């Protein structure tokens, strides 16, 4: 099986194993400390950061490749994954950067190597529960870490544009995809949910209006209060009523914030 062999070994004669000119990039979103975050890899050879991605085996479905890459970076088995765009600009990758990235594995890369050819990338976004992720770097990376989507480091190629496009897709699909359900833990505050919507929509929302509308949809079950240790009233915790939430999504959830 390919999964039993290191990528470095497969990449040397990659034209035997991988589809030519096709790759996958995963934008993995998580939510922590009231911030929407994205999981990135720091590449060993150049120090810059990039999205978890990879190539597609010849006998592998493209979505299966995306799932394989996502699982290898997060160690999660149950995943929400959505294809959102194909990136095909003629200048989206640079050969000089690729040579540095793969120099430790194949220092003899020539201009006609399979890795040096133009690649289109199929973008997927994933929504994961932050606390359940155990970030794992790949063979070409020194670390795998979360970054605030509003404060990204230097990224390779067009990866910043890919993240921006993923956020646009979330914004368009926010009423029809289980975004909060997949990003939040089982128990959360209304403020947590509001911050997710504000980050994705790119604007502030009135707190009272947001709470009224969300609670009016009947998609949340109220739980116990948080303990604050202070004199101020502690916020309630909520969880999603799965049946009601997914029914609301089918009807187009929260259209008028």
Protein backbone atom coordinates (compact mmCIF):
# COMPACT_ATOMS: atom_id res chain seq x y z
CA UNK A 1 0.00 0.00 0.00
CA UNK A 2 1.17 3.56 -0.74
CA UNK A 3 0.30 4.64 2.80
CA UNK A 4 2.94 2.26 4.16
CA UNK A 5 5.74 3.98 2.25
CA UNK A 6 7.27 7.40 3.04
CA UNK A 7 6.40 10.21 0.66
CA UNK A 8 10.08 10.93 0.08
CA UNK A 9 10.48 7.48 -1.45
CA UNK A 10 7.37 7.82 -3.61
CA UNK A 11 8.20 11.33 -4.82
CA UNK A 12 11.53 10.35 -6.39
CA UNK A 13 9.67 8.38 -9.05
CA UNK A 14 6.41 10.17 -8.52
CA UNK A 15 5.26 9.99 -12.13
CA UNK A 16 4.74 6.27 -11.53
CA UNK A 17 2.44 6.85 -8.56
CA UNK A 18 0.67 10.21 -8.85
CA UNK A 19 -1.72 11.91 -11.26
CA UNK A 20 0.17 14.46 -13.34
CA UNK A 21 -0.54 18.15 -12.73
CA UNK A 22 -3.22 17.61 -10.05
CA UNK A 23 -2.87 18.47 -6.37
CA UNK A 24 -5.09 19.08 -3.34
CA UNK A 25 -4.93 21.87 -0.76
CA UNK A 26 -6.88 21.66 2.50
CA UNK A 27 -7.94 24.77 4.43
CA UNK A 28 -8.55 23.34 7.90
CA UNK A 29 -10.52 25.70 10.12
CA UNK A 30 -10.75 25.47 13.91
CA UNK A 31 -12.09 27.77 16.63
CA UNK A 32 -10.25 28.56 19.87
CA UNK A 33 -10.12 31.46 22.33
CA UNK A 34 -12.83 33.25 20.35
CA UNK A 35 -10.70 33.20 17.18
CA UNK A 36 -11.18 31.39 13.90
CA UNK A 37 -7.94 29.60 13.11
CA UNK A 38 -6.39 27.75 10.19
CA UNK A 39 -3.90 24.88 10.37
CA UNK A 40 -0.60 25.50 8.55
CA UNK A 41 2.68 23.69 7.93
CA UNK A 42 6.09 25.36 8.21
CA UNK A 43 8.29 24.04 5.42
CA UNK A 44 11.71 22.82 6.52
CA UNK A 45 13.76 24.12 3.64
CA UNK A 46 12.46 27.70 3.41
CA UNK A 47 10.83 28.52 6.74
CA UNK A 48 7.65 29.83 5.11
CA UNK A 49 4.24 28.40 5.83
CA UNK A 50 1.78 26.60 3.60
CA UNK A 51 -1.51 24.74 3.61
CA UNK A 52 -1.62 21.00 4.22
CA UNK A 53 -1.77 19.56 0.75
CA UNK A 54 -0.47 16.84 -1.46
CA UNK A 55 -0.81 14.86 -4.63
CA UNK A 56 -3.35 12.31 -5.80
CA UNK A 57 -2.43 8.68 -6.36
CA UNK A 58 -3.36 7.38 -9.79
CA UNK A 59 -5.89 4.88 -8.45
CA UNK A 60 -7.26 7.29 -5.81
CA UNK A 61 -10.38 9.46 -5.93
CA UNK A 62 -9.58 13.14 -5.45
CA UNK A 63 -11.82 13.45 -2.40
CA UNK A 64 -10.16 10.37 -0.90
CA UNK A 65 -6.81 12.12 -1.33
CA UNK A 66 -8.15 15.18 0.51
CA UNK A 67 -9.43 12.97 3.34
CA UNK A 68 -6.12 11.11 3.54
CA UNK A 69 -4.16 14.36 3.80
CA UNK A 70 -6.56 15.80 6.36
CA UNK A 71 -6.43 12.73 8.55
CA UNK A 72 -2.64 12.61 8.43
CA UNK A 73 -2.40 16.22 9.66
CA UNK A 74 -5.14 16.16 12.30
CA UNK A 75 -5.41 12.49 13.39
CA UNK A 76 -9.20 12.83 13.10
CA UNK A 77 -11.38 10.12 11.62
CA UNK A 78 -14.80 11.80 11.44
CA UNK A 79 -14.48 14.85 9.22
CA UNK A 80 -16.49 17.57 7.57
CA UNK A 81 -14.88 18.32 4.21
CA UNK A 82 -16.23 20.46 1.39
CA UNK A 83 -14.73 21.15 -2.06
CA UNK A 84 -14.93 24.86 -2.79
CA UNK A 85 -12.74 25.93 -5.76
CA UNK A 86 -10.13 24.92 -8.34
CA UNK A 87 -6.98 27.03 -8.53
CA UNK A 88 -5.37 27.02 -11.96
CA UNK A 89 -3.41 30.21 -12.54
CA UNK A 90 -0.50 29.59 -14.90
CA UNK A 91 1.94 31.21 -12.45
CA UNK A 92 0.55 29.84 -9.19
CA UNK A 93 3.71 27.85 -8.37
CA UNK A 94 7.41 28.67 -8.65
CA UNK A 95 10.10 26.19 -9.63
CA UNK A 96 12.78 27.84 -7.47
CA UNK A 97 10.64 27.40 -4.36
CA UNK A 98 9.78 23.81 -5.25
CA UNK A 99 13.45 22.94 -5.71
CA UNK A 100 14.19 24.23 -2.19
CA UNK A 101 11.21 22.46 -0.64
CA UNK A 102 12.15 19.09 -2.11
CA UNK A 103 15.95 19.52 -2.10
CA UNK A 104 16.48 17.20 0.87
CA UNK A 105 14.63 14.38 -0.88
CA UNK A 106 15.61 14.79 -4.51
CA UNK A 107 18.34 17.34 -5.11
CA UNK A 108 18.49 16.55 -8.82
CA UNK A 109 15.12 18.01 -9.76
CA UNK A 110 15.23 19.19 -13.35
CA UNK A 111 12.86 21.49 -15.20
CA UNK A 112 11.07 18.49 -16.74
CA UNK A 113 10.62 16.61 -13.44
CA UNK A 114 7.00 15.72 -12.66
CA UNK A 115 7.20 17.98 -9.59
CA UNK A 116 8.28 20.96 -11.67
CA UNK A 117 5.29 20.89 -13.98
CA UNK A 118 2.31 23.18 -13.73
CA UNK A 119 -0.23 21.92 -11.17
CA UNK A 120 -3.85 22.84 -10.67
CA UNK A 121 -4.99 22.53 -7.08
CA UNK A 122 -8.43 21.47 -5.91
CA UNK A 123 -9.35 23.33 -2.74
CA UNK A 124 -11.24 21.77 0.15
CA UNK A 125 -12.17 23.36 3.43
CA UNK A 126 -12.55 21.34 6.61
CA UNK A 127 -14.32 22.29 9.84
CA UNK A 128 -12.83 20.60 12.89
CA UNK A 129 -13.15 20.83 16.66
CA UNK A 130 -9.91 22.46 17.78
CA UNK A 131 -9.44 20.49 20.99
CA UNK A 132 -9.70 17.16 19.19
CA UNK A 133 -6.90 17.90 16.71
CA UNK A 134 -3.37 16.60 17.25
CA UNK A 135 -1.43 18.57 14.60
CA UNK A 136 1.14 16.45 12.77
CA UNK A 137 3.81 17.84 10.38
CA UNK A 138 4.62 15.94 7.20
CA UNK A 139 8.04 14.86 5.95
CA UNK A 140 8.71 18.25 4.40
CA UNK A 141 7.72 20.35 7.43
CA UNK A 142 9.24 21.26 10.78
CA UNK A 143 5.93 21.99 12.47
CA UNK A 144 2.16 21.99 12.03
CA UNK A 145 0.41 24.75 13.97
CA UNK A 146 -2.74 26.86 14.22
CA UNK A 147 -2.80 30.51 13.12
CA UNK A 148 -5.44 33.19 13.49
CA UNK A 149 -7.02 33.81 10.07
CA UNK A 150 -6.66 37.55 10.70
CA UNK A 151 -2.92 37.32 11.40
CA UNK A 152 -1.35 34.93 8.90
CA UNK A 153 2.42 34.44 8.45
CA UNK A 154 4.21 34.58 5.09
CA UNK A 155 2.68 31.88 2.88
CA UNK A 156 4.00 30.11 -0.21
CA UNK A 157 2.52 30.32 -3.69
CA UNK A 158 -1.15 31.36 -3.74
CA UNK A 159 -2.02 29.88 -0.37
CA UNK A 160 -3.17 33.20 1.10
CA UNK A 161 -5.59 33.56 -1.80
CA UNK A 162 -6.79 29.98 -1.23
CA UNK A 163 -7.58 30.78 2.42
CA UNK A 164 -9.41 33.95 1.39
CA UNK A 165 -11.43 31.98 -1.16
CA UNK A 166 -12.29 29.39 1.49
CA UNK A 167 -13.58 32.16 3.76
CA UNK A 168 -15.66 33.48 0.87
CA UNK A 169 -17.10 30.00 0.39
CA UNK A 170 -17.95 29.80 4.09
CA UNK A 171 -19.63 33.20 3.87
CA UNK A 172 -21.78 32.05 0.97
CA UNK A 173 -22.62 28.71 2.59
CA UNK A 174 -22.99 29.82 6.20
CA UNK A 175 -26.78 29.39 6.06
CA UNK A 176 -26.63 25.88 4.61
CA UNK A 177 -23.57 24.15 6.12
CA UNK A 178 -23.10 22.93 9.74
CA UNK A 179 -20.35 25.45 10.43
CA UNK A 180 -20.97 26.08 14.13
CA UNK A 181 -21.77 22.43 14.75
CA UNK A 182 -18.36 21.30 13.48
CA UNK A 183 -16.22 24.15 14.86
CA UNK A 184 -17.56 24.42 18.41
CA UNK A 185 -17.27 21.97 21.30
CA UNK A 186 -20.43 20.30 22.56
CA UNK A 187 -21.05 23.12 25.07
CA UNK A 188 -20.48 26.76 24.12
CA UNK A 189 -21.71 30.28 24.78
CA UNK A 190 -23.75 32.45 22.44
CA UNK A 191 -20.73 34.76 22.30
CA UNK A 192 -18.62 31.91 20.88
CA UNK A 193 -21.17 31.34 18.13
CA UNK A 194 -21.47 35.06 17.40
CA UNK A 195 -17.70 35.45 16.98
CA UNK A 196 -17.66 32.66 14.38
CA UNK A 197 -20.39 34.39 12.39
CA UNK A 198 -18.67 37.78 12.71
CA UNK A 199 -15.32 36.41 11.53
CA UNK A 200 -16.79 34.64 8.53
CA UNK A 201 -19.14 37.49 7.58
CA UNK A 202 -16.41 40.09 8.11
CA UNK A 203 -18.53 42.46 10.19
CA UNK A 204 -19.76 43.05 13.72
CA UNK A 205 -23.22 41.84 14.70
CA UNK A 206 -25.52 43.35 17.29
CA UNK A 207 -25.38 41.04 20.29
CA UNK A 208 -29.01 41.35 21.33
CA UNK A 209 -30.30 40.90 17.80
CA UNK A 210 -28.03 37.91 17.21
CA UNK A 211 -29.10 36.18 20.43
CA UNK A 212 -32.78 36.79 19.73
CA UNK A 213 -32.60 35.38 16.22
CA UNK A 214 -30.48 32.34 17.07
CA UNK A 215 -32.61 31.38 20.05
CA UNK A 216 -35.74 31.98 17.99
CA UNK A 217 -34.76 29.25 15.55
CA UNK A 218 -35.02 26.60 18.26
CA UNK A 219 -31.71 24.99 17.31
CA UNK A 220 -30.02 25.29 20.72
CA UNK A 221 -30.54 23.52 24.02
CA UNK A 222 -29.71 25.55 27.13
CA UNK A 223 -27.35 23.90 29.60
CA UNK A 224 -25.87 24.91 32.96
CA UNK A 225 -24.26 28.28 33.59
CA UNK A 226 -20.54 28.92 33.41
CA UNK A 227 -18.87 29.57 36.74
CA UNK A 228 -17.27 33.01 36.64
CA UNK A 229 -16.14 33.41 40.25
CA UNK A 230 -17.25 37.03 40.13
CA UNK A 231 -20.31 39.08 40.85
CA UNK A 232 -21.35 39.43 37.20
CA UNK A 233 -23.97 37.15 35.76
CA UNK A 234 -22.31 34.14 34.12
CA UNK A 235 -23.35 33.28 30.56
CA UNK A 236 -25.35 30.17 29.86
CA UNK A 237 -23.86 27.27 27.99
CA UNK A 238 -25.68 25.86 24.98
CA UNK A 239 -25.44 22.84 22.75
CA UNK A 240 -26.88 22.24 19.30
CA UNK A 241 -30.11 20.31 19.02
CA UNK A 242 -28.87 18.21 16.13
CA UNK A 243 -32.26 17.35 14.67
CA UNK A 244 -33.55 20.93 14.78
CA UNK A 245 -30.23 22.39 13.60
CA UNK A 246 -29.97 20.27 10.48
CA UNK A 247 -33.62 20.85 9.67
CA UNK A 248 -32.97 24.59 9.91
CA UNK A 249 -29.98 24.24 7.59
CA UNK A 250 -32.16 22.53 5.00
CA UNK A 251 -34.46 25.53 5.19
CA UNK A 252 -31.63 28.06 4.99
CA UNK A 253 -30.52 29.03 8.49
CA UNK A 254 -30.32 32.63 9.77
CA UNK A 255 -30.64 34.58 6.54
CA UNK A 256 -31.01 38.10 7.86
CA UNK A 257 -28.37 39.07 10.44
